[in-house]
Amino acid sequence: MNEHPFVSVEDLIKNAPANLSLEIIAGADGISTHHLTSARVQKLGLALSGFTHYVHRGRLQLVGQSELWYLEQLTAEKRKEAIENLALDKITCILVTKNLQPPEELFEIVNRSQIPLLRTPLVSSNAINSIVTFLQEALAPRSTQHGVLLDLYGVGVLLTGESGMGKSECALDLVSRGHRLVADDAINLKRVGETILGEAPDILKEHLEIRGLGIINIRELFSVSAVTDSKAVSLCIQLERWEESSEVERLGIDRKTINILGVEIPLFVVPVSPGRNLSTLVETAVRVHLLRLQGHDAARNLIEKHDKMMEEKICKK
């Protein structure tokens, strides 16, 4: 897992959305050594007016028309003092919006401190939206998971379990029933907000490995509708050998979850033994999950009926 993702200012300039049209106008020596670690954008207005503790490390600092107007009202000496008091060691880079021209004092100080100074033609609000969207994607925590990811009834289902449990064979059967494959064997996961997105590495896309058949291409065998590029993981089904499953769920009352990149995902643990139809069990688990989301729980309803029946019998006595 990439626990501390970052984006260098150099990568930001190269890969940011085209509408930003980023150009570096000063501090070029620092573009490879200064890193963004947060998707949040901060305006420098408060910091320029003396509240320097508001400057947060790892964020892009934005200077718009209001900030430049404030600096223009100061004398050259006060302007230089305001900029030098910005806690420069915390600043990763500064972005000037609307193609505005910063004061000479800012050029001088960022060049000396090797702080990249960028400029965009966009107004501040549009620049913030584009930057945040890009950084949320670029800084998303990531990991690689062994298993199979499928789209069943619109639900992203992650099948896990040790090698040889029949995950890929189960996926093949499910695809033949009309469901869609996202990834087999290795799944690239990333967290965006509270959503875990999964996709296949480029080289493995559309492929399944089936013992006895080798590598097969699902799109070629079942058409393009049988595959999809990515899917949000909403349910995990863990396959375990029956004799190794310490606790076999009988009633389905206890709801399990698994933590993936800090997000709790509903979990079913399904024991595997000869004669059990894995594909049907997986489909049923997804249907149960969907019913629970709608407030229906067969196990709890049965227990409530049982308790009510027992109470009625006691009352009659």
Protein backbone atom coordinates (compact mmCIF):
# COMPACT_ATOMS: atom_id res chain seq x y z
CA MET A 1 0.00 0.00 0.00
CA ASN A 2 1.18 3.50 -0.83
CA GLU A 3 0.63 5.08 2.60
CA HIS A 4 2.15 8.49 1.87
CA PRO A 5 1.44 9.39 -1.77
CA PHE A 6 2.78 12.66 -3.14
CA VAL A 7 2.93 14.60 -6.39
CA SER A 8 5.95 16.69 -7.29
CA VAL A 9 5.35 20.14 -8.73
CA GLU A 10 7.08 18.90 -11.89
CA ASP A 11 4.48 16.10 -12.23
CA LEU A 12 1.70 18.60 -11.57
CA ILE A 13 2.90 20.81 -14.42
CA LYS A 14 3.23 17.84 -16.81
CA ASN A 15 0.00 16.00 -15.97
CA ALA A 16 -2.51 18.59 -14.76
CA PRO A 17 -5.68 19.13 -16.86
CA ALA A 18 -5.03 21.02 -20.07
CA ASN A 19 -7.51 23.78 -19.20
CA LEU A 20 -5.15 24.93 -16.41
CA SER A 21 -2.42 25.75 -18.96
CA LEU A 22 0.13 25.88 -16.15
CA GLU A 23 3.33 27.81 -16.73
CA ILE A 24 6.23 28.24 -14.35
CA ILE A 25 7.24 31.87 -14.01
CA ALA A 26 9.74 31.65 -11.14
CA GLY A 27 11.37 29.21 -8.73
CA ALA A 28 11.99 26.59 -11.43
CA ASP A 29 14.86 25.04 -9.45
CA GLY A 30 12.37 23.62 -6.93
CA ILE A 31 9.88 21.83 -9.19
CA SER A 32 11.38 18.37 -8.66
CA THR A 33 12.08 18.71 -4.93
CA HIS A 34 8.80 20.26 -3.77
CA HIS A 35 5.95 17.78 -3.27
CA LEU A 36 2.20 18.15 -2.81
CA THR A 37 0.76 15.72 -0.26
CA SER A 38 -2.77 17.12 0.11
CA ALA A 39 -5.55 17.68 -2.44
CA ARG A 40 -6.69 20.78 -0.58
CA VAL A 41 -5.90 24.21 -2.01
CA GLN A 42 -5.19 27.13 0.30
CA LYS A 43 -5.51 30.85 -0.46
CA LEU A 44 -2.69 32.99 0.90
CA GLY A 45 -4.83 35.96 1.91
CA LEU A 46 -4.82 35.36 5.68
CA ALA A 47 -1.16 34.40 5.73
CA LEU A 48 -0.13 37.57 3.87
CA SER A 49 -2.00 39.67 6.43
CA GLY A 50 0.02 38.14 9.27
CA PHE A 51 -1.72 34.86 10.16
CA THR A 52 1.19 32.73 9.00
CA HIS A 53 0.17 29.71 11.11
CA TYR A 54 -2.60 29.15 8.56
CA VAL A 55 -0.01 27.97 6.02
CA HIS A 56 -0.18 24.16 5.83
CA ARG A 57 2.69 22.08 4.52
CA GLY A 58 2.11 20.03 1.35
CA ARG A 59 -0.74 22.13 -0.05
CA LEU A 60 -0.85 24.26 -3.18
CA GLN A 61 -1.04 27.95 -2.20
CA LEU A 62 -3.21 30.13 -4.41
CA VAL A 63 -2.84 33.84 -5.12
CA GLY A 64 -5.73 35.55 -6.86
CA GLN A 65 -6.86 39.07 -7.58
CA SER A 66 -7.76 39.89 -3.96
CA GLU A 67 -4.34 38.79 -2.65
CA LEU A 68 -2.51 40.79 -5.31
CA TRP A 69 -4.71 43.82 -4.68
CA TYR A 70 -3.81 43.64 -0.97
CA LEU A 71 -0.08 43.51 -1.78
CA GLU A 72 -0.39 46.47 -4.14
CA GLN A 73 -1.69 48.62 -1.26
CA LEU A 74 1.53 48.06 0.68
CA THR A 75 4.81 49.86 0.31
CA ALA A 76 7.63 47.89 -1.31
CA GLU A 77 9.23 47.37 2.11
CA LYS A 78 5.98 46.14 3.75
CA ARG A 79 5.22 43.98 0.72
CA LYS A 80 8.58 42.25 1.01
CA GLU A 81 8.10 41.79 4.74
CA ALA A 82 4.62 40.25 4.26
CA ILE A 83 5.96 37.72 1.73
CA GLU A 84 9.07 36.83 3.75
CA ASN A 85 6.88 36.16 6.82
CA LEU A 86 4.88 33.46 5.01
CA ALA A 87 6.63 30.49 6.66
CA LEU A 88 8.36 29.85 3.35
CA ASP A 89 9.73 26.49 4.46
CA LYS A 90 6.14 25.15 4.54
CA ILE A 91 5.17 26.32 1.05
CA THR A 92 5.29 23.72 -1.71
CA CYS A 93 4.32 26.01 -4.58
CA ILE A 94 2.26 29.09 -5.35
CA LEU A 95 -0.28 29.40 -8.17
CA VAL A 96 -1.28 32.80 -9.55
CA THR A 97 -4.67 32.88 -11.30
CA LYS A 98 -6.17 34.90 -14.21
CA ASN A 99 -2.70 35.36 -15.75
CA LEU A 100 -2.12 38.18 -13.26
CA GLN A 101 1.32 39.70 -12.81
CA PRO A 102 2.76 39.20 -9.30
CA PRO A 103 4.93 41.91 -7.71
CA GLU A 104 8.68 41.85 -8.18
CA GLU A 105 9.19 41.09 -4.49
CA LEU A 106 7.41 37.75 -4.91
CA PHE A 107 9.60 36.83 -7.88
CA GLU A 108 12.72 37.68 -5.92
CA ILE A 109 11.79 35.73 -2.79
CA VAL A 110 10.54 32.53 -4.50
CA ASN A 111 13.63 32.40 -6.70
CA ARG A 112 15.85 32.75 -3.66
CA SER A 113 13.86 30.11 -1.73
CA GLN A 114 13.44 27.84 -4.80
CA ILE A 115 9.65 27.82 -4.37
CA PRO A 116 7.92 27.14 -7.72
CA LEU A 117 5.67 30.00 -8.80
CA LEU A 118 3.07 28.92 -11.34
CA ARG A 119 0.43 30.79 -13.31
CA THR A 120 -2.87 29.85 -14.95
CA PRO A 121 -5.37 31.81 -17.07
CA LEU A 122 -8.30 30.38 -15.07
CA VAL A 123 -10.13 32.36 -12.41
CA SER A 124 -9.56 31.14 -8.84
CA SER A 125 -12.76 29.10 -8.46
CA ASN A 126 -12.23 27.17 -11.70
CA ALA A 127 -8.54 26.66 -10.97
CA ILE A 128 -9.34 25.26 -7.52
CA ASN A 129 -11.89 22.81 -8.94
CA SER A 130 -9.47 21.51 -11.57
CA ILE A 131 -6.52 21.24 -9.18
CA VAL A 132 -8.54 19.47 -6.46
CA THR A 133 -10.01 16.97 -8.93
CA PHE A 134 -6.57 16.17 -10.32
CA LEU A 135 -4.90 15.86 -6.90
CA GLN A 136 -7.68 13.70 -5.43
CA GLU A 137 -6.99 11.19 -8.19
CA ALA A 138 -3.20 11.51 -8.10
CA LEU A 139 -2.96 11.30 -4.30
CA ALA A 140 -5.48 8.51 -3.82
CA PRO A 141 -4.12 5.77 -1.47
CA ARG A 142 -3.43 2.64 -3.51
CA SER A 143 -2.76 -1.06 -3.03
CA THR A 144 -2.78 -4.29 -5.02
CA GLN A 145 -5.12 -7.11 -4.00
CA HIS A 146 -4.98 -10.75 -5.06
CA GLY A 147 -8.38 -12.00 -6.18
CA VAL A 148 -11.09 -11.42 -8.77
CA LEU A 149 -13.23 -8.30 -9.19
CA LEU A 150 -16.62 -8.63 -10.89
CA ASP A 151 -19.66 -6.50 -11.64
CA LEU A 152 -22.72 -8.45 -10.47
CA TYR A 153 -26.13 -6.76 -10.67
CA GLY A 154 -24.34 -3.42 -10.65
CA VAL A 155 -22.39 -4.29 -7.49
CA GLY A 156 -18.59 -4.40 -7.47
CA VAL A 157 -17.80 -7.79 -5.89
CA LEU A 158 -14.29 -8.72 -4.77
CA LEU A 159 -13.66 -12.47 -4.58
CA THR A 160 -10.73 -13.36 -2.32
CA GLY A 161 -9.22 -16.57 -1.02
CA GLU A 162 -6.02 -18.56 -1.28
CA SER A 163 -4.78 -19.91 -4.60
CA GLY A 164 -6.64 -22.95 -5.90
CA MET A 165 -10.01 -22.08 -4.33
CA GLY A 166 -11.69 -21.72 -7.73
CA LYS A 167 -12.04 -17.94 -7.88
CA SER A 168 -11.25 -17.68 -11.59
CA GLU A 169 -13.45 -20.65 -12.50
CA CYS A 170 -16.28 -19.09 -10.50
CA ALA A 171 -15.71 -15.80 -12.33
CA LEU A 172 -15.84 -17.58 -15.70
CA ASP A 173 -19.18 -19.19 -14.80
CA LEU A 174 -20.56 -15.84 -13.63
CA VAL A 175 -19.47 -14.13 -16.85
CA SER A 176 -21.22 -16.87 -18.84
CA ARG A 177 -24.38 -15.97 -16.88
CA GLY A 178 -24.22 -12.36 -18.06
CA HIS A 179 -22.11 -10.67 -15.39
CA ARG A 180 -18.96 -8.65 -16.13
CA LEU A 181 -15.28 -9.15 -15.36
CA VAL A 182 -13.19 -6.26 -14.08
CA ALA A 183 -9.93 -7.93 -13.05
CA ASP A 184 -8.45 -11.36 -12.36
CA ASP A 185 -5.44 -12.31 -10.24
CA ALA A 186 -4.10 -8.80 -9.48
CA ILE A 187 -6.45 -5.91 -8.76
CA ASN A 188 -5.25 -2.33 -8.50
CA LEU A 189 -7.25 -0.60 -5.76
CA LYS A 190 -7.37 3.08 -4.91
CA ARG A 191 -9.39 5.08 -2.43
CA VAL A 192 -11.19 8.20 -3.66
CA GLY A 193 -13.08 9.78 -0.77
CA GLU A 194 -14.94 6.89 0.87
CA THR A 195 -15.03 4.82 -2.33
CA ILE A 196 -12.64 2.00 -3.21
CA LEU A 197 -12.15 1.75 -6.97
CA GLY A 198 -10.71 -1.39 -8.53
CA GLU A 199 -9.26 -2.06 -11.97
CA ALA A 200 -6.95 -4.50 -13.71
CA PRO A 201 -3.31 -3.73 -14.52
CA ASP A 202 -3.13 -2.80 -18.20
CA ILE A 203 -1.40 -6.03 -19.20
CA LEU A 204 -4.06 -8.22 -17.52
CA LYS A 205 -7.20 -6.41 -18.67
CA GLU A 206 -9.95 -8.64 -20.12
CA HIS A 207 -8.02 -11.83 -19.28
CA LEU A 208 -8.71 -14.80 -17.01
CA GLU A 209 -6.34 -17.62 -16.08
CA ILE A 210 -8.13 -20.98 -16.00
CA ARG A 211 -6.22 -24.09 -15.00
CA GLY A 212 -6.26 -26.52 -17.92
CA LEU A 213 -7.19 -23.82 -20.43
CA GLY A 214 -4.50 -21.25 -19.74
CA ILE A 215 -5.01 -17.54 -20.39
CA ILE A 216 -8.31 -16.67 -22.06
CA ASN A 217 -9.59 -13.34 -23.36
CA ILE A 218 -13.10 -12.69 -22.01
CA ARG A 219 -13.95 -9.96 -24.51
CA GLU A 220 -13.10 -12.19 -27.46
CA LEU A 221 -15.06 -15.13 -26.03
CA PHE A 222 -18.13 -13.34 -24.65
CA SER A 223 -18.18 -9.90 -26.39
CA VAL A 224 -17.28 -6.46 -25.12
CA SER A 225 -20.29 -6.38 -22.78
CA ALA A 226 -18.65 -9.07 -20.62
CA VAL A 227 -15.86 -6.77 -19.38
CA THR A 228 -15.61 -3.35 -17.78
CA ASP A 229 -12.56 -1.23 -17.02
CA SER A 230 -13.21 -0.35 -13.37
CA LYS A 231 -15.75 -0.73 -10.60
CA ALA A 232 -16.28 0.53 -7.06
CA VAL A 233 -15.83 -2.32 -4.57
CA SER A 234 -19.07 -2.62 -2.57
CA LEU A 235 -18.88 -6.22 -1.33
CA CYS A 236 -16.16 -8.75 -0.54
CA ILE A 237 -16.75 -12.51 -0.66
CA GLN A 238 -13.96 -14.55 0.92
CA LEU A 239 -13.72 -18.20 -0.10
CA GLU A 240 -12.34 -20.57 2.54
CA ARG A 241 -11.78 -24.30 2.59
CA TRP A 242 -14.53 -25.89 4.67
CA GLU A 243 -12.15 -27.61 7.09
CA GLU A 244 -10.15 -24.38 7.54
CA SER A 245 -13.16 -22.17 8.17
CA SER A 246 -13.17 -21.80 11.95
CA GLU A 247 -16.66 -20.36 12.12
CA VAL A 248 -19.29 -21.33 9.59
CA GLU A 249 -22.13 -18.82 9.56
CA ARG A 250 -25.44 -20.65 9.91
CA LEU A 251 -28.02 -17.92 10.50
CA GLY A 252 -26.43 -14.88 8.90
CA ILE A 253 -27.03 -12.61 11.88
CA ASP A 254 -23.48 -11.42 12.45
CA ARG A 255 -22.44 -8.97 9.76
CA LYS A 256 -18.74 -8.95 8.93
CA THR A 257 -16.66 -6.28 7.25
CA ILE A 258 -13.16 -6.07 5.85
CA ASN A 259 -11.01 -2.95 5.97
CA ILE A 260 -9.65 -1.96 2.57
CA LEU A 261 -7.53 1.20 2.49
CA GLY A 262 -9.35 2.46 5.58
CA VAL A 263 -12.87 1.81 4.30
CA GLU A 264 -15.07 -0.91 5.85
CA ILE A 265 -16.52 -3.14 3.12
CA PRO A 266 -19.30 -5.71 3.84
CA LEU A 267 -17.89 -9.24 3.90
CA PHE A 268 -19.32 -12.73 3.40
CA VAL A 269 -17.12 -15.71 4.31
CA VAL A 270 -18.21 -18.69 2.17
CA PRO A 271 -16.83 -22.18 2.98
CA VAL A 272 -15.85 -24.14 -0.13
CA SER A 273 -16.28 -27.90 -0.43
CA PRO A 274 -16.92 -30.35 -3.27
CA GLY A 275 -20.48 -30.15 -4.56
CA ARG A 276 -21.13 -26.54 -3.56
CA ASN A 277 -22.13 -24.34 -6.48
CA LEU A 278 -19.88 -21.32 -5.99
CA SER A 279 -21.45 -19.21 -8.73
CA THR A 280 -24.94 -19.61 -7.30
CA LEU A 281 -23.66 -18.89 -3.79
CA VAL A 282 -21.91 -15.71 -4.97
CA GLU A 283 -24.98 -14.51 -6.86
CA THR A 284 -27.13 -15.21 -3.82
CA ALA A 285 -24.73 -13.37 -1.52
CA VAL A 286 -24.99 -10.30 -3.75
CA ARG A 287 -28.80 -10.51 -3.73
CA VAL A 288 -28.77 -10.81 0.08
CA HIS A 289 -26.48 -7.77 0.25
CA LEU A 290 -28.83 -5.75 -1.96
CA LEU A 291 -31.87 -6.75 0.13
CA ARG A 292 -30.06 -5.72 3.31
CA LEU A 293 -29.36 -2.31 1.79
CA GLN A 294 -33.13 -1.99 1.29
CA GLY A 295 -33.80 -2.93 4.92
CA HIS A 296 -34.74 -6.59 4.40
CA ASP A 297 -32.99 -9.22 6.53
CA ALA A 298 -34.35 -12.76 6.36
CA ALA A 299 -32.42 -14.01 9.41
CA ARG A 300 -33.51 -11.17 11.65
CA ASN A 301 -37.10 -11.44 10.42
CA LEU A 302 -37.11 -15.16 11.23
CA ILE A 303 -35.74 -14.57 14.72
CA GLU A 304 -38.33 -11.85 15.37
CA LYS A 305 -41.10 -14.21 14.27
CA HIS A 306 -39.69 -16.94 16.51
CA ASP A 307 -39.46 -14.59 19.51
CA LYS A 308 -43.00 -13.36 18.92
CA MET A 309 -44.30 -16.94 18.70
CA MET A 310 -42.56 -17.87 21.96
CA GLU A 311 -43.98 -14.82 23.71
CA GLU A 312 -47.48 -15.73 22.55
CA LYS A 313 -47.04 -19.29 23.89
CA ILE A 314 -45.86 -17.96 27.24
CA CYS A 315 -48.79 -15.56 27.44
CA LYS A 316 -51.26 -18.38 26.77
CA LYS A 317 -49.86 -20.32 29.70
